[in-house]
Amino acid sequence: MNIYTDIFLTFAKIGSFTIGGGYAMVQMMEKEVVDKKHWLDHEEFMDTLVVAQSTPGLFAIDMASHIGLKLKGVTGGIVGALATALPSIVAILLIAIFFQTFKDNIYVEKIFMGVRPCVVALILAPCFGMAKKAKLNKFNWWIPVVAAVLISALGVSPIWCILATGIGGFIWGKLKD
């Protein structure tokens, strides 16, 4: 199979079968990109995750474009980004076309009420996997906890948390050497 076709089909599948946005896609993306395709190893995937998190734009599309870029340059990045976005664009267009027909349907409303808790799980599940792969231990577990509290409870921008932890990690590495 052509690598561009493989990139397109892989990210279109990820974009089609994940509900809940970019973070809900992380686990499926990792299984496809790392475990099945072996396009990245776990460490490269985590690095890509950090870069995609800190770049502007939609997280899932950033991930797909970074992975596609690594595989086949700019064209691969564009193919990955388009493939990830296309299913959502099609779904939004279909919903927009038929929204008036089913917006007040009680069954549709109940379906969405049932799906919401699952979306929360889809977002939380990759967090536990990332915690393992990030080598959290008894000495550094507090860093993501403090960052989460700063972001969610105090409204601190994630950018400041990323910068602070990056600088802190750099300094810690220098001190250890």
C-alpha atoms as a PDB file:
ATOM      1  CA  MET A   1       0.000   0.000   0.000  1.00  0.00           C
ATOM      2  CA  ASN A   2       1.177   3.527  -0.793  1.00  0.00           C
ATOM      3  CA  ILE A   3       2.411   5.284   2.384  1.00  0.00           C
ATOM      4  CA  TYR A   4       0.206   8.337   1.696  1.00  0.00           C
ATOM      5  CA  THR A   5      -2.841   6.089   1.379  1.00  0.00           C
ATOM      6  CA  ASP A   6      -1.821   4.321   4.584  1.00  0.00           C
ATOM      7  CA  ILE A   7      -1.421   7.653   6.416  1.00  0.00           C
ATOM      8  CA  PHE A   8      -4.781   8.846   5.079  1.00  0.00           C
ATOM      9  CA  LEU A   9      -6.696   5.673   5.955  1.00  0.00           C
ATOM     10  CA  THR A  10      -5.109   5.403   9.407  1.00  0.00           C
ATOM     11  CA  PHE A  11      -5.929   8.966  10.431  1.00  0.00           C
ATOM     12  CA  ALA A  12      -9.352   8.932   8.751  1.00  0.00           C
ATOM     13  CA  LYS A  13     -10.189   5.841  10.828  1.00  0.00           C
ATOM     14  CA  ILE A  14      -8.969   7.558  13.991  1.00  0.00           C
ATOM     15  CA  GLY A  15     -10.960  10.682  13.125  1.00  0.00           C
ATOM     16  CA  SER A  16     -14.073   8.606  12.378  1.00  0.00           C
ATOM     17  CA  PHE A  17     -14.184   6.432  15.453  1.00  0.00           C
ATOM     18  CA  THR A  18     -13.259   8.713  18.294  1.00  0.00           C
ATOM     19  CA  ILE A  19     -15.826  10.854  20.005  1.00  0.00           C
ATOM     20  CA  GLY A  20     -14.829  13.587  22.384  1.00  0.00           C
ATOM     21  CA  GLY A  21     -12.105  15.454  20.550  1.00  0.00           C
ATOM     22  CA  GLY A  22      -8.350  15.278  20.415  1.00  0.00           C
ATOM     23  CA  TYR A  23      -7.600  13.820  23.832  1.00  0.00           C
ATOM     24  CA  ALA A  24     -10.095  11.021  23.307  1.00  0.00           C
ATOM     25  CA  MET A  25      -8.078  10.079  20.213  1.00  0.00           C
ATOM     26  CA  VAL A  26      -4.756   9.660  22.015  1.00  0.00           C
ATOM     27  CA  GLN A  27      -5.196   6.023  23.002  1.00  0.00           C
ATOM     28  CA  MET A  28      -6.460   4.933  19.591  1.00  0.00           C
ATOM     29  CA  MET A  29      -3.778   6.981  17.843  1.00  0.00           C
ATOM     30  CA  GLU A  30      -1.054   5.415  19.967  1.00  0.00           C
ATOM     31  CA  LYS A  31      -2.306   1.899  19.229  1.00  0.00           C
ATOM     32  CA  GLU A  32      -2.353   2.589  15.506  1.00  0.00           C
ATOM     33  CA  VAL A  33       0.829   4.645  15.159  1.00  0.00           C
ATOM     34  CA  VAL A  34       3.051   2.932  17.737  1.00  0.00           C
ATOM     35  CA  ASP A  35       1.747  -0.593  18.294  1.00  0.00           C
ATOM     36  CA  LYS A  36       0.359  -1.533  14.862  1.00  0.00           C
ATOM     37  CA  LYS A  37       2.221   0.570  12.287  1.00  0.00           C
ATOM     38  CA  HIS A  38       5.458   1.116  14.243  1.00  0.00           C
ATOM     39  CA  TRP A  39       5.769   4.581  12.734  1.00  0.00           C
ATOM     40  CA  LEU A  40       6.933   5.926  16.112  1.00  0.00           C
ATOM     41  CA  ASP A  41       8.155   4.340  19.313  1.00  0.00           C
ATOM     42  CA  HIS A  42       6.486   5.191  22.636  1.00  0.00           C
ATOM     43  CA  GLU A  43       9.013   7.895  23.488  1.00  0.00           C
ATOM     44  CA  GLU A  44       8.655   9.591  20.078  1.00  0.00           C
ATOM     45  CA  PHE A  45       4.885   9.431  20.482  1.00  0.00           C
ATOM     46  CA  MET A  46       5.075  11.129  23.891  1.00  0.00           C
ATOM     47  CA  ASP A  47       7.402  13.798  22.459  1.00  0.00           C
ATOM     48  CA  THR A  48       4.980  14.380  19.589  1.00  0.00           C
ATOM     49  CA  LEU A  49       2.166  14.626  22.116  1.00  0.00           C
ATOM     50  CA  VAL A  50       4.029  17.364  23.990  1.00  0.00           C
ATOM     51  CA  VAL A  51       4.823  19.278  20.797  1.00  0.00           C
ATOM     52  CA  ALA A  52       1.229  18.990  19.526  1.00  0.00           C
ATOM     53  CA  GLN A  53      -0.063  20.102  22.919  1.00  0.00           C
ATOM     54  CA  SER A  54       2.077  23.222  22.831  1.00  0.00           C
ATOM     55  CA  THR A  55       1.427  24.266  19.226  1.00  0.00           C
ATOM     56  CA  PRO A  56      -1.599  26.316  18.201  1.00  0.00           C
ATOM     57  CA  GLY A  57      -4.518  24.575  16.580  1.00  0.00           C
ATOM     58  CA  LEU A  58      -6.630  21.508  17.089  1.00  0.00           C
ATOM     59  CA  PHE A  59      -4.772  18.877  19.073  1.00  0.00           C
ATOM     60  CA  ALA A  60      -5.728  15.803  17.008  1.00  0.00           C
ATOM     61  CA  ILE A  61      -4.896  17.556  13.755  1.00  0.00           C
ATOM     62  CA  ASP A  62      -1.587  18.762  15.203  1.00  0.00           C
ATOM     63  CA  MET A  63      -0.741  15.184  16.219  1.00  0.00           C
ATOM     64  CA  ALA A  64      -1.637  13.796  12.796  1.00  0.00           C
ATOM     65  CA  SER A  65       0.282  16.501  10.967  1.00  0.00           C
ATOM     66  CA  HIS A  66       3.387  16.021  13.139  1.00  0.00           C
ATOM     67  CA  ILE A  67       3.318  12.255  12.616  1.00  0.00           C
ATOM     68  CA  GLY A  68       2.664  12.619   8.885  1.00  0.00           C
ATOM     69  CA  LEU A  69       5.481  15.180   8.680  1.00  0.00           C
ATOM     70  CA  LYS A  70       7.882  12.756  10.342  1.00  0.00           C
ATOM     71  CA  LEU A  71       6.886   9.977   7.938  1.00  0.00           C
ATOM     72  CA  LYS A  72       6.759  11.792   4.593  1.00  0.00           C
ATOM     73  CA  GLY A  73       7.561  15.445   5.083  1.00  0.00           C
ATOM     74  CA  VAL A  74       5.154  18.304   4.459  1.00  0.00           C
ATOM     75  CA  THR A  75       2.922  16.266   2.138  1.00  0.00           C
ATOM     76  CA  GLY A  76       2.593  13.530   4.768  1.00  0.00           C
ATOM     77  CA  GLY A  77       1.700  16.154   7.364  1.00  0.00           C
ATOM     78  CA  ILE A  78      -0.997  17.620   5.149  1.00  0.00           C
ATOM     79  CA  VAL A  79      -2.430  14.168   4.376  1.00  0.00           C
ATOM     80  CA  GLY A  80      -2.524  13.268   8.093  1.00  0.00           C
ATOM     81  CA  ALA A  81      -4.186  16.544   9.053  1.00  0.00           C
ATOM     82  CA  LEU A  82      -6.812  16.374   6.299  1.00  0.00           C
ATOM     83  CA  ALA A  83      -7.589  12.726   7.025  1.00  0.00           C
ATOM     84  CA  THR A  84      -8.130  13.455  10.709  1.00  0.00           C
ATOM     85  CA  ALA A  85     -10.375  16.455  10.031  1.00  0.00           C
ATOM     86  CA  LEU A  86     -12.424  15.027   7.150  1.00  0.00           C
ATOM     87  CA  PRO A  87     -14.709  12.701   9.172  1.00  0.00           C
ATOM     88  CA  SER A  88     -15.575  15.528  11.574  1.00  0.00           C
ATOM     89  CA  ILE A  89     -16.284  17.911   8.710  1.00  0.00           C
ATOM     90  CA  VAL A  90     -18.602  15.372   7.068  1.00  0.00           C
ATOM     91  CA  ALA A  91     -20.358  14.654  10.389  1.00  0.00           C
ATOM     92  CA  ILE A  92     -20.827  18.370  11.117  1.00  0.00           C
ATOM     93  CA  LEU A  93     -22.237  18.960   7.635  1.00  0.00           C
ATOM     94  CA  LEU A  94     -24.694  16.072   8.022  1.00  0.00           C
ATOM     95  CA  ILE A  95     -25.741  17.254  11.473  1.00  0.00           C
ATOM     96  CA  ALA A  96     -26.211  20.792  10.151  1.00  0.00           C
ATOM     97  CA  ILE A  97     -28.355  19.517   7.292  1.00  0.00           C
ATOM     98  CA  PHE A  98     -30.581  17.371   9.493  1.00  0.00           C
ATOM     99  CA  PHE A  99     -30.399  19.297  12.805  1.00  0.00           C
ATOM    100  CA  GLN A 100     -33.834  20.879  12.552  1.00  0.00           C
ATOM    101  CA  THR A 101     -35.377  17.452  12.005  1.00  0.00           C
ATOM    102  CA  PHE A 102     -34.050  15.787  15.154  1.00  0.00           C
ATOM    103  CA  LYS A 103     -32.997  18.579  17.524  1.00  0.00           C
ATOM    104  CA  ASP A 104     -36.022  18.113  19.804  1.00  0.00           C
ATOM    105  CA  ASN A 105     -36.179  14.314  19.528  1.00  0.00           C
ATOM    106  CA  ILE A 106     -36.250  12.839  23.049  1.00  0.00           C
ATOM    107  CA  TYR A 107     -34.392   9.696  21.926  1.00  0.00           C
ATOM    108  CA  VAL A 108     -31.535  11.683  20.425  1.00  0.00           C
ATOM    109  CA  GLU A 109     -31.325  13.705  23.627  1.00  0.00           C
ATOM    110  CA  LYS A 110     -31.167  10.502  25.720  1.00  0.00           C
ATOM    111  CA  ILE A 111     -28.458   9.059  23.451  1.00  0.00           C
ATOM    112  CA  PHE A 112     -26.322  12.145  23.988  1.00  0.00           C
ATOM    113  CA  MET A 113     -26.906  11.964  27.744  1.00  0.00           C
ATOM    114  CA  GLY A 114     -25.642   8.370  27.660  1.00  0.00           C
ATOM    115  CA  VAL A 115     -22.609   9.163  25.520  1.00  0.00           C
ATOM    116  CA  ARG A 116     -21.338  12.068  27.684  1.00  0.00           C
ATOM    117  CA  PRO A 117     -19.959   9.895  30.539  1.00  0.00           C
ATOM    118  CA  CYS A 118     -18.217   7.677  27.995  1.00  0.00           C
ATOM    119  CA  VAL A 119     -16.555  10.735  26.476  1.00  0.00           C
ATOM    120  CA  VAL A 120     -15.179  11.621  29.907  1.00  0.00           C
ATOM    121  CA  ALA A 121     -13.717   8.103  30.143  1.00  0.00           C
ATOM    122  CA  LEU A 122     -12.248   8.425  26.636  1.00  0.00           C
ATOM    123  CA  ILE A 123     -10.445  11.560  27.757  1.00  0.00           C
ATOM    124  CA  LEU A 124      -9.309  10.152  31.139  1.00  0.00           C
ATOM    125  CA  ALA A 125      -8.083   6.752  29.909  1.00  0.00           C
ATOM    126  CA  PRO A 126      -5.105   8.127  27.942  1.00  0.00           C
ATOM    127  CA  CYS A 127      -4.083  10.136  31.017  1.00  0.00           C
ATOM    128  CA  PHE A 128      -3.370   6.953  32.962  1.00  0.00           C
ATOM    129  CA  GLY A 129      -1.427   5.480  30.049  1.00  0.00           C
ATOM    130  CA  MET A 130       0.553   8.686  29.608  1.00  0.00           C
ATOM    131  CA  ALA A 131       1.330   8.751  33.332  1.00  0.00           C
ATOM    132  CA  LYS A 132       2.907   5.297  33.071  1.00  0.00           C
ATOM    133  CA  LYS A 133       4.880   6.176  29.951  1.00  0.00           C
ATOM    134  CA  ALA A 134       5.983   9.528  31.402  1.00  0.00           C
ATOM    135  CA  LYS A 135       7.686   7.546  34.171  1.00  0.00           C
ATOM    136  CA  LEU A 136       5.820   9.210  36.996  1.00  0.00           C
ATOM    137  CA  ASN A 137       7.108   8.007  40.338  1.00  0.00           C
ATOM    138  CA  LYS A 138       7.025   8.876  44.033  1.00  0.00           C
ATOM    139  CA  PHE A 139       9.279  11.892  43.411  1.00  0.00           C
ATOM    140  CA  ASN A 140       7.514  13.582  40.477  1.00  0.00           C
ATOM    141  CA  TRP A 141       3.827  12.564  40.685  1.00  0.00           C
ATOM    142  CA  TRP A 142       3.016  15.976  42.179  1.00  0.00           C
ATOM    143  CA  ILE A 143       3.971  17.858  38.989  1.00  0.00           C
ATOM    144  CA  PRO A 144       0.909  16.886  36.893  1.00  0.00           C
ATOM    145  CA  VAL A 145      -1.329  17.238  39.956  1.00  0.00           C
ATOM    146  CA  VAL A 146      -0.126  20.796  40.633  1.00  0.00           C
ATOM    147  CA  ALA A 147      -0.341  21.662  36.922  1.00  0.00           C
ATOM    148  CA  ALA A 148      -3.916  20.326  36.737  1.00  0.00           C
ATOM    149  CA  VAL A 149      -4.949  22.343  39.808  1.00  0.00           C
ATOM    150  CA  LEU A 150      -3.278  25.489  38.465  1.00  0.00           C
ATOM    151  CA  ILE A 151      -5.002  25.108  35.098  1.00  0.00           C
ATOM    152  CA  SER A 152      -8.468  23.985  36.207  1.00  0.00           C
ATOM    153  CA  ALA A 153      -8.946  25.685  39.578  1.00  0.00           C
ATOM    154  CA  LEU A 154      -6.867  28.837  39.219  1.00  0.00           C
ATOM    155  CA  GLY A 155      -7.180  29.460  35.486  1.00  0.00           C
ATOM    156  CA  VAL A 156      -3.428  29.463  34.815  1.00  0.00           C
ATOM    157  CA  SER A 157      -2.665  29.093  31.121  1.00  0.00           C
ATOM    158  CA  PRO A 158      -1.339  25.632  30.162  1.00  0.00           C
ATOM    159  CA  ILE A 159       1.418  27.448  28.290  1.00  0.00           C
ATOM    160  CA  TRP A 160       2.854  28.721  31.595  1.00  0.00           C
ATOM    161  CA  CYS A 161       2.725  25.232  33.070  1.00  0.00           C
ATOM    162  CA  ILE A 162       4.503  23.754  30.051  1.00  0.00           C
ATOM    163  CA  LEU A 163       7.146  26.479  30.120  1.00  0.00           C
ATOM    164  CA  ALA A 164       7.674  26.158  33.889  1.00  0.00           C
ATOM    165  CA  THR A 165       7.978  22.371  33.804  1.00  0.00           C
ATOM    166  CA  GLY A 166      10.224  22.497  30.754  1.00  0.00           C
ATOM    167  CA  ILE A 167      12.554  25.001  32.404  1.00  0.00           C
ATOM    168  CA  GLY A 168      12.365  23.060  35.668  1.00  0.00           C
ATOM    169  CA  GLY A 169      13.242  19.819  33.879  1.00  0.00           C
ATOM    170  CA  PHE A 170      16.173  21.507  32.137  1.00  0.00           C
ATOM    171  CA  ILE A 171      17.502  22.902  35.422  1.00  0.00           C
ATOM    172  CA  TRP A 172      16.990  19.568  37.216  1.00  0.00           C
ATOM    173  CA  GLY A 173      18.882  17.779  34.425  1.00  0.00           C
ATOM    174  CA  LYS A 174      21.773  20.245  34.689  1.00  0.00           C
ATOM    175  CA  LEU A 175      21.908  19.902  38.478  1.00  0.00           C
ATOM    176  CA  LYS A 176      21.931  16.102  38.252  1.00  0.00           C
ATOM    177  CA  ASP A 177      24.849  16.188  35.800  1.00  0.00           C
END
